[in-house]
Amino acid sequence: MWFRANEKELQALLEGISNIVKQAMHDSLLSNPNEDNPIIKRLKVEVKQEMEKLNTPHPPSSPLQEMIERYVNRNVSINTPAGIVEGIITEVGNDYVEIMESEDLVVIVQLANAISLQAG
């Protein structure tokens, strides 16, 4: 299963969940004698962990990623160990490039497998 998420949207979602938990605590829904409830404790831990992950700095992008980003929406050929992938770059991630070969076919190439790139 593939899941594509925008980091800003994901961060906003987790902040929203955190705000709900904080509001519930403020309204004494969670700060009552039920505070020993294991579900509530686990929820607090999970929210805290997810917020810490979002606040952790991401490693800098690779020079290859930065170079390939210049070719978004352009026709390219990428040589890989499995063969040549030709098409229009539609997206570049930290470790992949998405290429639309035709209306019905999108190929994802891991940057680690890119041997060469030629812009058309």
PDB file of N, CA and C in Angstrom:
ATOM      1  N   MET A   1       0.842  -1.177   0.000  1.00  0.00           N
ATOM      2  CA  MET A   1       0.000   0.000   0.000  1.00  0.00           C
ATOM      3  C   MET A   1       0.883   1.234   0.000  1.00  0.00           C
ATOM      4  N   TRP A   2       0.598   2.156  -0.876  1.00  0.00           N
ATOM      5  CA  TRP A   2       1.346   3.411  -0.965  1.00  0.00           C
ATOM      6  C   TRP A   2       0.555   4.487  -0.258  1.00  0.00           C
ATOM      7  N   PHE A   3       1.257   5.316   0.470  1.00  0.00           N
ATOM      8  CA  PHE A   3       0.626   6.436   1.153  1.00  0.00           C
ATOM      9  C   PHE A   3       1.479   7.654   0.873  1.00  0.00           C
ATOM     10  N   ARG A   4       0.890   8.635   0.247  1.00  0.00           N
ATOM     11  CA  ARG A   4       1.614   9.861  -0.058  1.00  0.00           C
ATOM     12  C   ARG A   4       1.083  10.940   0.875  1.00  0.00           C
ATOM     13  N   ALA A   5       1.993  11.577   1.622  1.00  0.00           N
ATOM     14  CA  ALA A   5       1.571  12.594   2.577  1.00  0.00           C
ATOM     15  C   ALA A   5       2.418  13.838   2.413  1.00  0.00           C
ATOM     16  N   ASN A   6       1.781  14.948   2.491  1.00  0.00           N
ATOM     17  CA  ASN A   6       2.460  16.221   2.505  1.00  0.00           C
ATOM     18  C   ASN A   6       2.901  16.465   3.936  1.00  0.00           C
ATOM     19  N   GLU A   7       4.189  16.728   4.143  1.00  0.00           N
ATOM     20  CA  GLU A   7       4.722  16.873   5.494  1.00  0.00           C
ATOM     21  C   GLU A   7       4.021  17.979   6.276  1.00  0.00           C
ATOM     22  N   LYS A   8       3.697  19.089   5.629  1.00  0.00           N
ATOM     23  CA  LYS A   8       3.023  20.190   6.323  1.00  0.00           C
ATOM     24  C   LYS A   8       1.622  19.785   6.761  1.00  0.00           C
ATOM     25  N   GLU A   9       0.914  19.043   5.889  1.00  0.00           N
ATOM     26  CA  GLU A   9      -0.428  18.595   6.243  1.00  0.00           C
ATOM     27  C   GLU A   9      -0.373  17.600   7.395  1.00  0.00           C
ATOM     28  N   LEU A  10       0.620  16.695   7.365  1.00  0.00           N
ATOM     29  CA  LEU A  10       0.775  15.719   8.440  1.00  0.00           C
ATOM     30  C   LEU A  10       1.102  16.415   9.752  1.00  0.00           C
ATOM     31  N   GLN A  11       1.970  17.401   9.698  1.00  0.00           N
ATOM     32  CA  GLN A  11       2.321  18.138  10.911  1.00  0.00           C
ATOM     33  C   GLN A  11       1.086  18.870  11.450  1.00  0.00           C
ATOM     34  N   ALA A  12       0.305  19.474  10.573  1.00  0.00           N
ATOM     35  CA  ALA A  12      -0.904  20.173  11.008  1.00  0.00           C
ATOM     36  C   ALA A  12      -1.888  19.196  11.648  1.00  0.00           C
ATOM     37  N   LEU A  13      -2.007  17.996  11.076  1.00  0.00           N
ATOM     38  CA  LEU A  13      -2.897  16.986  11.638  1.00  0.00           C
ATOM     39  C   LEU A  13      -2.448  16.593  13.041  1.00  0.00           C
ATOM     40  N   LEU A  14      -1.154  16.320  13.206  1.00  0.00           N
ATOM     41  CA  LEU A  14      -0.662  15.917  14.522  1.00  0.00           C
ATOM     42  C   LEU A  14      -0.754  17.054  15.531  1.00  0.00           C
ATOM     43  N   GLU A  15      -0.530  18.277  15.089  1.00  0.00           N
ATOM     44  CA  GLU A  15      -0.703  19.410  15.994  1.00  0.00           C
ATOM     45  C   GLU A  15      -2.161  19.555  16.399  1.00  0.00           C
ATOM     46  N   GLY A  16      -3.071  19.283  15.462  1.00  0.00           N
ATOM     47  CA  GLY A  16      -4.498  19.322  15.778  1.00  0.00           C
ATOM     48  C   GLY A  16      -4.867  18.279  16.822  1.00  0.00           C
ATOM     49  N   ILE A  17      -4.324  17.077  16.659  1.00  0.00           N
ATOM     50  CA  ILE A  17      -4.579  16.024  17.652  1.00  0.00           C
ATOM     51  C   ILE A  17      -4.017  16.442  19.002  1.00  0.00           C
ATOM     52  N   SER A  18      -2.817  17.002  18.987  1.00  0.00           N
ATOM     53  CA  SER A  18      -2.199  17.469  20.233  1.00  0.00           C
ATOM     54  C   SER A  18      -3.058  18.541  20.894  1.00  0.00           C
ATOM     55  N   ASN A  19      -3.589  19.457  20.102  1.00  0.00           N
ATOM     56  CA  ASN A  19      -4.449  20.523  20.648  1.00  0.00           C
ATOM     57  C   ASN A  19      -5.730  19.951  21.249  1.00  0.00           C
ATOM     58  N   ILE A  20      -6.264  18.914  20.620  1.00  0.00           N
ATOM     59  CA  ILE A  20      -7.470  18.278  21.162  1.00  0.00           C
ATOM     60  C   ILE A  20      -7.160  17.669  22.524  1.00  0.00           C
ATOM     61  N   VAL A  21      -6.021  16.972  22.608  1.00  0.00           N
ATOM     62  CA  VAL A  21      -5.643  16.358  23.882  1.00  0.00           C
ATOM     63  C   VAL A  21      -5.414  17.443  24.936  1.00  0.00           C
ATOM     64  N   LYS A  22      -4.730  18.526  24.562  1.00  0.00           N
ATOM     65  CA  LYS A  22      -4.485  19.614  25.514  1.00  0.00           C
ATOM     66  C   LYS A  22      -5.800  20.242  25.976  1.00  0.00           C
ATOM     67  N   GLN A  23      -6.720  20.450  25.041  1.00  0.00           N
ATOM     68  CA  GLN A  23      -8.012  21.037  25.393  1.00  0.00           C
ATOM     69  C   GLN A  23      -8.780  20.112  26.323  1.00  0.00           C
ATOM     70  N   ALA A  24      -8.719  18.825  26.025  1.00  0.00           N
ATOM     71  CA  ALA A  24      -9.420  17.864  26.876  1.00  0.00           C
ATOM     72  C   ALA A  24      -8.836  17.877  28.283  1.00  0.00           C
ATOM     73  N   MET A  25      -7.530  17.993  28.379  1.00  0.00           N
ATOM     74  CA  MET A  25      -6.893  18.067  29.692  1.00  0.00           C
ATOM     75  C   MET A  25      -7.336  19.345  30.399  1.00  0.00           C
ATOM     76  N   HIS A  26      -7.370  20.429  29.667  1.00  0.00           N
ATOM     77  CA  HIS A  26      -7.782  21.709  30.234  1.00  0.00           C
ATOM     78  C   HIS A  26      -9.211  21.645  30.744  1.00  0.00           C
ATOM     79  N   ASP A  27     -10.053  20.957  30.008  1.00  0.00           N
ATOM     80  CA  ASP A  27     -11.458  20.845  30.388  1.00  0.00           C
ATOM     81  C   ASP A  27     -11.692  19.763  31.440  1.00  0.00           C
ATOM     82  N   SER A  28     -10.615  19.258  31.996  1.00  0.00           N
ATOM     83  CA  SER A  28     -10.670  18.252  33.068  1.00  0.00           C
ATOM     84  C   SER A  28     -11.236  16.915  32.619  1.00  0.00           C
ATOM     85  N   LEU A  29     -11.244  16.686  31.315  1.00  0.00           N
ATOM     86  CA  LEU A  29     -11.705  15.380  30.852  1.00  0.00           C
ATOM     87  C   LEU A  29     -10.634  14.322  31.074  1.00  0.00           C
ATOM     88  N   LEU A  30      -9.370  14.743  31.003  1.00  0.00           N
ATOM     89  CA  LEU A  30      -8.285  13.787  31.195  1.00  0.00           C
ATOM     90  C   LEU A  30      -7.563  13.973  32.512  1.00  0.00           C
ATOM     91  N   SER A  31      -7.772  15.087  33.186  1.00  0.00           N
ATOM     92  CA  SER A  31      -7.047  15.348  34.424  1.00  0.00           C
ATOM     93  C   SER A  31      -7.907  15.047  35.646  1.00  0.00           C
ATOM     94  N   ASN A  32      -8.740  14.044  35.547  1.00  0.00           N
ATOM     95  CA  ASN A  32      -9.564  13.621  36.673  1.00  0.00           C
ATOM     96  C   ASN A  32      -8.991  12.334  37.262  1.00  0.00           C
ATOM     97  N   PRO A  33      -9.666  11.697  38.175  1.00  0.00           N
ATOM     98  CA  PRO A  33      -9.132  10.472  38.776  1.00  0.00           C
ATOM     99  C   PRO A  33      -8.843   9.361  37.764  1.00  0.00           C
ATOM    100  N   ASN A  34      -9.327   9.464  36.542  1.00  0.00           N
ATOM    101  CA  ASN A  34      -9.064   8.446  35.520  1.00  0.00           C
ATOM    102  C   ASN A  34      -7.678   8.594  34.893  1.00  0.00           C
ATOM    103  N   GLU A  35      -6.851   9.476  35.445  1.00  0.00           N
ATOM    104  CA  GLU A  35      -5.547   9.725  34.854  1.00  0.00           C
ATOM    105  C   GLU A  35      -4.676   8.479  34.850  1.00  0.00           C
ATOM    106  N   ASP A  36      -4.990   7.488  35.647  1.00  0.00           N
ATOM    107  CA  ASP A  36      -4.242   6.237  35.648  1.00  0.00           C
ATOM    108  C   ASP A  36      -4.693   5.307  34.527  1.00  0.00           C
ATOM    109  N   ASN A  37      -5.659   5.737  33.761  1.00  0.00           N
ATOM    110  CA  ASN A  37      -6.163   4.937  32.655  1.00  0.00           C
ATOM    111  C   ASN A  37      -5.028   4.663  31.667  1.00  0.00           C
ATOM    112  N   PRO A  38      -4.712   3.397  31.356  1.00  0.00           N
ATOM    113  CA  PRO A  38      -3.601   3.078  30.455  1.00  0.00           C
ATOM    114  C   PRO A  38      -3.807   3.596  29.038  1.00  0.00           C
ATOM    115  N   ILE A  39      -5.035   3.689  28.598  1.00  0.00           N
ATOM    116  CA  ILE A  39      -5.301   4.209  27.254  1.00  0.00           C
ATOM    117  C   ILE A  39      -4.922   5.683  27.174  1.00  0.00           C
ATOM    118  N   ILE A  40      -5.281   6.438  28.188  1.00  0.00           N
ATOM    119  CA  ILE A  40      -4.963   7.863  28.221  1.00  0.00           C
ATOM    120  C   ILE A  40      -3.458   8.061  28.290  1.00  0.00           C
ATOM    121  N   LYS A  41      -2.785   7.270  29.118  1.00  0.00           N
ATOM    122  CA  LYS A  41      -1.325   7.370  29.226  1.00  0.00           C
ATOM    123  C   LYS A  41      -0.670   7.074  27.882  1.00  0.00           C
ATOM    124  N   ARG A  42      -1.128   6.024  27.210  1.00  0.00           N
ATOM    125  CA  ARG A  42      -0.539   5.637  25.920  1.00  0.00           C
ATOM    126  C   ARG A  42      -0.782   6.721  24.869  1.00  0.00           C
ATOM    127  N   LEU A  43      -1.970   7.296  24.861  1.00  0.00           N
ATOM    128  CA  LEU A  43      -2.286   8.362  23.923  1.00  0.00           C
ATOM    129  C   LEU A  43      -1.348   9.553  24.124  1.00  0.00           C
ATOM    130  N   LYS A  44      -1.112   9.923  25.365  1.00  0.00           N
ATOM    131  CA  LYS A  44      -0.206  11.036  25.656  1.00  0.00           C
ATOM    132  C   LYS A  44       1.205  10.736  25.155  1.00  0.00           C
ATOM    133  N   VAL A  45       1.671   9.506  25.385  1.00  0.00           N
ATOM    134  CA  VAL A  45       3.016   9.113  24.949  1.00  0.00           C
ATOM    135  C   VAL A  45       3.116   9.150  23.428  1.00  0.00           C
ATOM    136  N   GLU A  46       2.111   8.602  22.739  1.00  0.00           N
ATOM    137  CA  GLU A  46       2.128   8.558  21.272  1.00  0.00           C
ATOM    138  C   GLU A  46       2.129   9.963  20.666  1.00  0.00           C
ATOM    139  N   VAL A  47       1.288  10.838  21.184  1.00  0.00           N
ATOM    140  CA  VAL A  47       1.235  12.210  20.666  1.00  0.00           C
ATOM    141  C   VAL A  47       2.577  12.905  20.879  1.00  0.00           C
ATOM    142  N   LYS A  48       3.155  12.725  22.060  1.00  0.00           N
ATOM    143  CA  LYS A  48       4.450  13.343  22.354  1.00  0.00           C
ATOM    144  C   LYS A  48       5.532  12.831  21.406  1.00  0.00           C
ATOM    145  N   GLN A  49       5.561  11.514  21.158  1.00  0.00           N
ATOM    146  CA  GLN A  49       6.561  10.937  20.253  1.00  0.00           C
ATOM    147  C   GLN A  49       6.400  11.467  18.829  1.00  0.00           C
ATOM    148  N   GLU A  50       5.175  11.550  18.357  1.00  0.00           N
ATOM    149  CA  GLU A  50       4.943  12.035  16.991  1.00  0.00           C
ATOM    150  C   GLU A  50       5.339  13.499  16.853  1.00  0.00           C
ATOM    151  N   MET A  51       5.071  14.293  17.861  1.00  0.00           N
ATOM    152  CA  MET A  51       5.456  15.711  17.816  1.00  0.00           C
ATOM    153  C   MET A  51       6.983  15.845  17.828  1.00  0.00           C
ATOM    154  N   GLU A  52       7.676  14.994  18.590  1.00  0.00           N
ATOM    155  CA  GLU A  52       9.129  15.033  18.617  1.00  0.00           C
ATOM    156  C   GLU A  52       9.707  14.656  17.258  1.00  0.00           C
ATOM    157  N   LYS A  53       9.102  13.670  16.587  1.00  0.00           N
ATOM    158  CA  LYS A  53       9.565  13.275  15.253  1.00  0.00           C
ATOM    159  C   LYS A  53       9.455  14.441  14.274  1.00  0.00           C
ATOM    160  N   LEU A  54       8.348  15.180  14.349  1.00  0.00           N
ATOM    161  CA  LEU A  54       8.149  16.297  13.430  1.00  0.00           C
ATOM    162  C   LEU A  54       9.121  17.432  13.702  1.00  0.00           C
ATOM    163  N   ASN A  55       9.555  17.573  14.939  1.00  0.00           N
ATOM    164  CA  ASN A  55      10.476  18.648  15.286  1.00  0.00           C
ATOM    165  C   ASN A  55      11.934  18.260  15.101  1.00  0.00           C
ATOM    166  N   THR A  56      12.199  16.997  14.733  1.00  0.00           N
ATOM    167  CA  THR A  56      13.564  16.545  14.488  1.00  0.00           C
ATOM    168  C   THR A  56      13.996  17.050  13.116  1.00  0.00           C
ATOM    169  N   PRO A  57      15.157  17.697  13.039  1.00  0.00           N
ATOM    170  CA  PRO A  57      15.597  18.197  11.736  1.00  0.00           C
ATOM    171  C   PRO A  57      15.840  17.044  10.759  1.00  0.00           C
ATOM    172  N   HIS A  58      15.461  17.255   9.520  1.00  0.00           N
ATOM    173  CA  HIS A  58      15.657  16.251   8.479  1.00  0.00           C
ATOM    174  C   HIS A  58      17.074  16.376   7.928  1.00  0.00           C
ATOM    175  N   PRO A  59      17.642  15.255   7.510  1.00  0.00           N
ATOM    176  CA  PRO A  59      18.977  15.340   6.916  1.00  0.00           C
ATOM    177  C   PRO A  59      18.926  16.191   5.651  1.00  0.00           C
ATOM    178  N   PRO A  60      20.007  16.860   5.341  1.00  0.00           N
ATOM    179  CA  PRO A  60      19.993  17.694   4.133  1.00  0.00           C
ATOM    180  C   PRO A  60      19.770  16.830   2.906  1.00  0.00           C
ATOM    181  N   SER A  61      19.151  17.421   1.901  1.00  0.00           N
ATOM    182  CA  SER A  61      18.899  16.679   0.675  1.00  0.00           C
ATOM    183  C   SER A  61      20.224  16.400  -0.030  1.00  0.00           C
ATOM    184  N   SER A  62      20.219  15.344  -0.818  1.00  0.00           N
ATOM    185  CA  SER A  62      21.441  14.959  -1.505  1.00  0.00           C
ATOM    186  C   SER A  62      21.711  15.909  -2.673  1.00  0.00           C
ATOM    187  N   PRO A  63      22.971  16.026  -3.074  1.00  0.00           N
ATOM    188  CA  PRO A  63      23.277  16.861  -4.242  1.00  0.00           C
ATOM    189  C   PRO A  63      22.552  16.363  -5.496  1.00  0.00           C
ATOM    190  N   LEU A  64      22.379  15.039  -5.607  1.00  0.00           N
ATOM    191  CA  LEU A  64      21.674  14.487  -6.759  1.00  0.00           C
ATOM    192  C   LEU A  64      20.217  14.939  -6.760  1.00  0.00           C
ATOM    193  N   GLN A  65      19.581  14.929  -5.587  1.00  0.00           N
ATOM    194  CA  GLN A  65      18.188  15.383  -5.484  1.00  0.00           C
ATOM    195  C   GLN A  65      18.086  16.842  -5.904  1.00  0.00           C
ATOM    196  N   GLU A  66      18.977  17.672  -5.401  1.00  0.00           N
ATOM    197  CA  GLU A  66      18.945  19.092  -5.741  1.00  0.00           C
ATOM    198  C   GLU A  66      19.124  19.301  -7.240  1.00  0.00           C
ATOM    199  N   MET A  67      20.017  18.514  -7.852  1.00  0.00           N
ATOM    200  CA  MET A  67      20.248  18.642  -9.288  1.00  0.00           C
ATOM    201  C   MET A  67      19.011  18.211 -10.079  1.00  0.00           C
ATOM    202  N   ILE A  68      18.397  17.101  -9.675  1.00  0.00           N
ATOM    203  CA  ILE A  68      17.241  16.573 -10.404  1.00  0.00           C
ATOM    204  C   ILE A  68      16.028  17.488 -10.256  1.00  0.00           C
ATOM    205  N   GLU A  69      15.887  18.164  -9.122  1.00  0.00           N
ATOM    206  CA  GLU A  69      14.740  19.062  -8.920  1.00  0.00           C
ATOM    207  C   GLU A  69      14.673  20.155  -9.988  1.00  0.00           C
ATOM    208  N   ARG A  70      15.798  20.490 -10.575  1.00  0.00           N
ATOM    209  CA  ARG A  70      15.805  21.509 -11.638  1.00  0.00           C
ATOM    210  C   ARG A  70      15.084  21.043 -12.897  1.00  0.00           C
ATOM    211  N   TYR A  71      14.882  19.722 -13.002  1.00  0.00           N
ATOM    212  CA  TYR A  71      14.292  19.160 -14.211  1.00  0.00           C
ATOM    213  C   TYR A  71      12.824  18.747 -14.036  1.00  0.00           C
ATOM    214  N   VAL A  72      12.184  19.176 -12.963  1.00  0.00           N
ATOM    215  CA  VAL A  72      10.765  18.859 -12.761  1.00  0.00           C
ATOM    216  C   VAL A  72       9.967  19.471 -13.913  1.00  0.00           C
ATOM    217  N   ASN A  73       9.014  18.706 -14.420  1.00  0.00           N
ATOM    218  CA  ASN A  73       8.162  19.069 -15.559  1.00  0.00           C
ATOM    219  C   ASN A  73       8.934  19.137 -16.870  1.00  0.00           C
ATOM    220  N   ARG A  74      10.092  18.491 -16.910  1.00  0.00           N
ATOM    221  CA  ARG A  74      10.873  18.425 -18.153  1.00  0.00           C
ATOM    222  C   ARG A  74      11.065  16.971 -18.553  1.00  0.00           C
ATOM    223  N   ASN A  75      11.284  16.763 -19.833  1.00  0.00           N
ATOM    224  CA  ASN A  75      11.514  15.439 -20.375  1.00  0.00           C
ATOM    225  C   ASN A  75      12.947  15.012 -20.085  1.00  0.00           C
ATOM    226  N   VAL A  76      13.128  13.807 -19.539  1.00  0.00           N
ATOM    227  CA  VAL A  76      14.460  13.309 -19.191  1.00  0.00           C
ATOM    228  C   VAL A  76      14.577  11.827 -19.521  1.00  0.00           C
ATOM    229  N   SER A  77      15.819  11.363 -19.545  1.00  0.00           N
ATOM    230  CA  SER A  77      16.136   9.940 -19.618  1.00  0.00           C
ATOM    231  C   SER A  77      17.037   9.631 -18.438  1.00  0.00           C
ATOM    232  N   ILE A  78      16.653   8.638 -17.644  1.00  0.00           N
ATOM    233  CA  ILE A  78      17.476   8.232 -16.513  1.00  0.00           C
ATOM    234  C   ILE A  78      17.927   6.804 -16.752  1.00  0.00           C
ATOM    235  N   ASN A  79      19.237   6.615 -16.715  1.00  0.00           N
ATOM    236  CA  ASN A  79      19.816   5.299 -16.895  1.00  0.00           C
ATOM    237  C   ASN A  79      19.891   4.616 -15.534  1.00  0.00           C
ATOM    238  N   THR A  80      19.342   3.412 -15.429  1.00  0.00           N
ATOM    239  CA  THR A  80      19.347   2.642 -14.186  1.00  0.00           C
ATOM    240  C   THR A  80      19.895   1.244 -14.496  1.00  0.00           C
ATOM    241  N   PRO A  81      20.227   0.461 -13.467  1.00  0.00           N
ATOM    242  CA  PRO A  81      20.674  -0.912 -13.720  1.00  0.00           C
ATOM    243  C   PRO A  81      19.616  -1.747 -14.448  1.00  0.00           C
ATOM    244  N   ALA A  82      18.347  -1.407 -14.310  1.00  0.00           N
ATOM    245  CA  ALA A  82      17.266  -2.152 -14.960  1.00  0.00           C
ATOM    246  C   ALA A  82      16.969  -1.651 -16.376  1.00  0.00           C
ATOM    247  N   GLY A  83      17.584  -0.563 -16.787  1.00  0.00           N
ATOM    248  CA  GLY A  83      17.343  -0.010 -18.115  1.00  0.00           C
ATOM    249  C   GLY A  83      17.123   1.493 -18.059  1.00  0.00           C
ATOM    250  N   ILE A  84      16.726   2.040 -19.187  1.00  0.00           N
ATOM    251  CA  ILE A  84      16.525   3.483 -19.298  1.00  0.00           C
ATOM    252  C   ILE A  84      15.051   3.807 -19.062  1.00  0.00           C
ATOM    253  N   VAL A  85      14.818   4.817 -18.228  1.00  0.00           N
ATOM    254  CA  VAL A  85      13.464   5.307 -17.965  1.00  0.00           C
ATOM    255  C   VAL A  85      13.369   6.685 -18.600  1.00  0.00           C
ATOM    256  N   GLU A  86      12.388   6.848 -19.507  1.00  0.00           N
ATOM    257  CA  GLU A  86      12.224   8.118 -20.200  1.00  0.00           C
ATOM    258  C   GLU A  86      10.834   8.677 -19.928  1.00  0.00           C
ATOM    259  N   GLY A  87      10.779   9.985 -19.691  1.00  0.00           N
ATOM    260  CA  GLY A  87       9.506  10.628 -19.471  1.00  0.00           C
ATOM    261  C   GLY A  87       9.680  11.979 -18.816  1.00  0.00           C
ATOM    262  N   ILE A  88       8.597  12.478 -18.251  1.00  0.00           N
ATOM    263  CA  ILE A  88       8.588  13.799 -17.622  1.00  0.00           C
ATOM    264  C   ILE A  88       8.669  13.624 -16.111  1.00  0.00           C
ATOM    265  N   ILE A  89       9.609  14.310 -15.476  1.00  0.00           N
ATOM    266  CA  ILE A  89       9.726  14.257 -14.019  1.00  0.00           C
ATOM    267  C   ILE A  89       8.546  15.009 -13.419  1.00  0.00           C
ATOM    268  N   THR A  90       7.784  14.313 -12.567  1.00  0.00           N
ATOM    269  CA  THR A  90       6.618  14.935 -11.942  1.00  0.00           C
ATOM    270  C   THR A  90       6.848  15.239 -10.470  1.00  0.00           C
ATOM    271  N   GLU A  91       7.808  14.534  -9.849  1.00  0.00           N
ATOM    272  CA  GLU A  91       8.058  14.747  -8.422  1.00  0.00           C
ATOM    273  C   GLU A  91       9.443  14.227  -8.069  1.00  0.00           C
ATOM    274  N   VAL A  92      10.096  14.922  -7.124  1.00  0.00           N
ATOM    275  CA  VAL A  92      11.400  14.487  -6.621  1.00  0.00           C
ATOM    276  C   VAL A  92      11.308  14.437  -5.099  1.00  0.00           C
ATOM    277  N   GLY A  93      11.637  13.278  -4.529  1.00  0.00           N
ATOM    278  CA  GLY A  93      11.641  13.124  -3.082  1.00  0.00           C
ATOM    279  C   GLY A  93      13.059  13.038  -2.562  1.00  0.00           C
ATOM    280  N   ASN A  94      13.202  12.769  -1.273  1.00  0.00           N
ATOM    281  CA  ASN A  94      14.531  12.652  -0.676  1.00  0.00           C
ATOM    282  C   ASN A  94      15.350  11.544  -1.316  1.00  0.00           C
ATOM    283  N   ASP A  95      14.685  10.442  -1.699  1.00  0.00           N
ATOM    284  CA  ASP A  95      15.426   9.307  -2.223  1.00  0.00           C
ATOM    285  C   ASP A  95      14.807   8.709  -3.488  1.00  0.00           C
ATOM    286  N   TYR A  96      13.944   9.465  -4.159  1.00  0.00           N
ATOM    287  CA  TYR A  96      13.323   8.939  -5.377  1.00  0.00           C
ATOM    288  C   TYR A  96      12.981  10.068  -6.342  1.00  0.00           C
ATOM    289  N   VAL A  97      12.733   9.656  -7.587  1.00  0.00           N
ATOM    290  CA  VAL A  97      12.217  10.581  -8.595  1.00  0.00           C
ATOM    291  C   VAL A  97      11.049   9.874  -9.279  1.00  0.00           C
ATOM    292  N   GLU A  98       9.960  10.600  -9.492  1.00  0.00           N
ATOM    293  CA  GLU A  98       8.772  10.047 -10.135  1.00  0.00           C
ATOM    294  C   GLU A  98       8.742  10.552 -11.569  1.00  0.00           C
ATOM    295  N   ILE A  99       8.625   9.622 -12.513  1.00  0.00           N
ATOM    296  CA  ILE A  99       8.652   9.970 -13.934  1.00  0.00           C
ATOM    297  C   ILE A  99       7.391   9.440 -14.602  1.00  0.00           C
ATOM    298  N   MET A 100       6.690  10.323 -15.317  1.00  0.00           N
ATOM    299  CA  MET A 100       5.511   9.913 -16.068  1.00  0.00           C
ATOM    300  C   MET A 100       5.980   9.547 -17.474  1.00  0.00           C
ATOM    301  N   GLU A 101       5.964   8.229 -17.756  1.00  0.00           N
ATOM    302  CA  GLU A 101       6.384   7.757 -19.074  1.00  0.00           C
ATOM    303  C   GLU A 101       5.281   7.951 -20.106  1.00  0.00           C
ATOM    304  N   SER A 102       4.044   7.778 -19.670  1.00  0.00           N
ATOM    305  CA  SER A 102       2.891   7.996 -20.543  1.00  0.00           C
ATOM    306  C   SER A 102       1.712   8.373 -19.658  1.00  0.00           C
ATOM    307  N   GLU A 103       0.574   8.630 -20.262  1.00  0.00           N
ATOM    308  CA  GLU A 103      -0.624   8.994 -19.487  1.00  0.00           C
ATOM    309  C   GLU A 103      -0.981   7.916 -18.474  1.00  0.00           C
ATOM    310  N   ASP A 104      -0.693   6.657 -18.813  1.00  0.00           N
ATOM    311  CA  ASP A 104      -1.097   5.534 -17.974  1.00  0.00           C
ATOM    312  C   ASP A 104       0.028   4.932 -17.143  1.00  0.00           C
ATOM    313  N   LEU A 105       1.244   5.448 -17.264  1.00  0.00           N
ATOM    314  CA  LEU A 105       2.366   4.805 -16.603  1.00  0.00           C
ATOM    315  C   LEU A 105       3.273   5.810 -15.904  1.00  0.00           C
ATOM    316  N   VAL A 106       3.384   5.649 -14.588  1.00  0.00           N
ATOM    317  CA  VAL A 106       4.288   6.464 -13.780  1.00  0.00           C
ATOM    318  C   VAL A 106       5.309   5.518 -13.165  1.00  0.00           C
ATOM    319  N   VAL A 107       6.592   5.866 -13.293  1.00  0.00           N
ATOM    320  CA  VAL A 107       7.671   5.033 -12.769  1.00  0.00           C
ATOM    321  C   VAL A 107       8.368   5.792 -11.652  1.00  0.00           C
ATOM    322  N   ILE A 108       8.658   5.078 -10.571  1.00  0.00           N
ATOM    323  CA  ILE A 108       9.408   5.670  -9.466  1.00  0.00           C
ATOM    324  C   ILE A 108      10.789   5.040  -9.464  1.00  0.00           C
ATOM    325  N   VAL A 109      11.813   5.891  -9.547  1.00  0.00           N
ATOM    326  CA  VAL A 109      13.195   5.428  -9.569  1.00  0.00           C
ATOM    327  C   VAL A 109      13.867   5.882  -8.280  1.00  0.00           C
ATOM    328  N   GLN A 110      14.469   4.944  -7.559  1.00  0.00           N
ATOM    329  CA  GLN A 110      15.222   5.306  -6.382  1.00  0.00           C
ATOM    330  C   GLN A 110      16.486   6.033  -6.837  1.00  0.00           C
ATOM    331  N   LEU A 111      16.812   7.144  -6.190  1.00  0.00           N
ATOM    332  CA  LEU A 111      17.991   7.911  -6.582  1.00  0.00           C
ATOM    333  C   LEU A 111      19.264   7.066  -6.471  1.00  0.00           C
ATOM    334  N   ALA A 112      19.282   6.133  -5.548  1.00  0.00           N
ATOM    335  CA  ALA A 112      20.456   5.264  -5.385  1.00  0.00           C
ATOM    336  C   ALA A 112      20.682   4.411  -6.636  1.00  0.00           C
ATOM    337  N   ASN A 113      19.630   4.197  -7.449  1.00  0.00           N
ATOM    338  CA  ASN A 113      19.741   3.393  -8.660  1.00  0.00           C
ATOM    339  C   ASN A 113      19.943   4.232  -9.918  1.00  0.00           C
ATOM    340  N   ALA A 114      19.970   5.529  -9.788  1.00  0.00           N
ATOM    341  CA  ALA A 114      20.168   6.392 -10.963  1.00  0.00           C
ATOM    342  C   ALA A 114      21.654   6.436 -11.291  1.00  0.00           C
ATOM    343  N   ILE A 115      21.975   5.995 -12.492  1.00  0.00           N
ATOM    344  CA  ILE A 115      23.360   5.998 -12.942  1.00  0.00           C
ATOM    345  C   ILE A 115      23.677   7.323 -13.644  1.00  0.00           C
ATOM    346  N   SER A 116      22.747   7.743 -14.502  1.00  0.00           N
ATOM    347  CA  SER A 116      22.941   9.007 -15.212  1.00  0.00           C
ATOM    348  C   SER A 116      21.594   9.608 -15.562  1.00  0.00           C
ATOM    349  N   LEU A 117      21.606  10.908 -15.838  1.00  0.00           N
ATOM    350  CA  LEU A 117      20.392  11.620 -16.221  1.00  0.00           C
ATOM    351  C   LEU A 117      20.724  12.490 -17.418  1.00  0.00           C
ATOM    352  N   GLN A 118      19.839  12.453 -18.404  1.00  0.00           N
ATOM    353  CA  GLN A 118      20.004  13.320 -19.566  1.00  0.00           C
ATOM    354  C   GLN A 118      18.694  14.039 -19.812  1.00  0.00           C
ATOM    355  N   ALA A 119      18.754  15.362 -19.856  1.00  0.00           N
ATOM    356  CA  ALA A 119      17.558  16.159 -20.122  1.00  0.00           C
ATOM    357  C   ALA A 119      17.346  16.237 -21.622  1.00  0.00           C
ATOM    358  N   GLY A 120      16.052  16.123 -22.004  1.00  0.00           N
ATOM    359  CA  GLY A 120      15.743  16.122 -23.423  1.00  0.00           C
ATOM    360  C   GLY A 120      15.219  17.411 -23.928  1.00  0.00           C
TER     361      GLY A 120
END
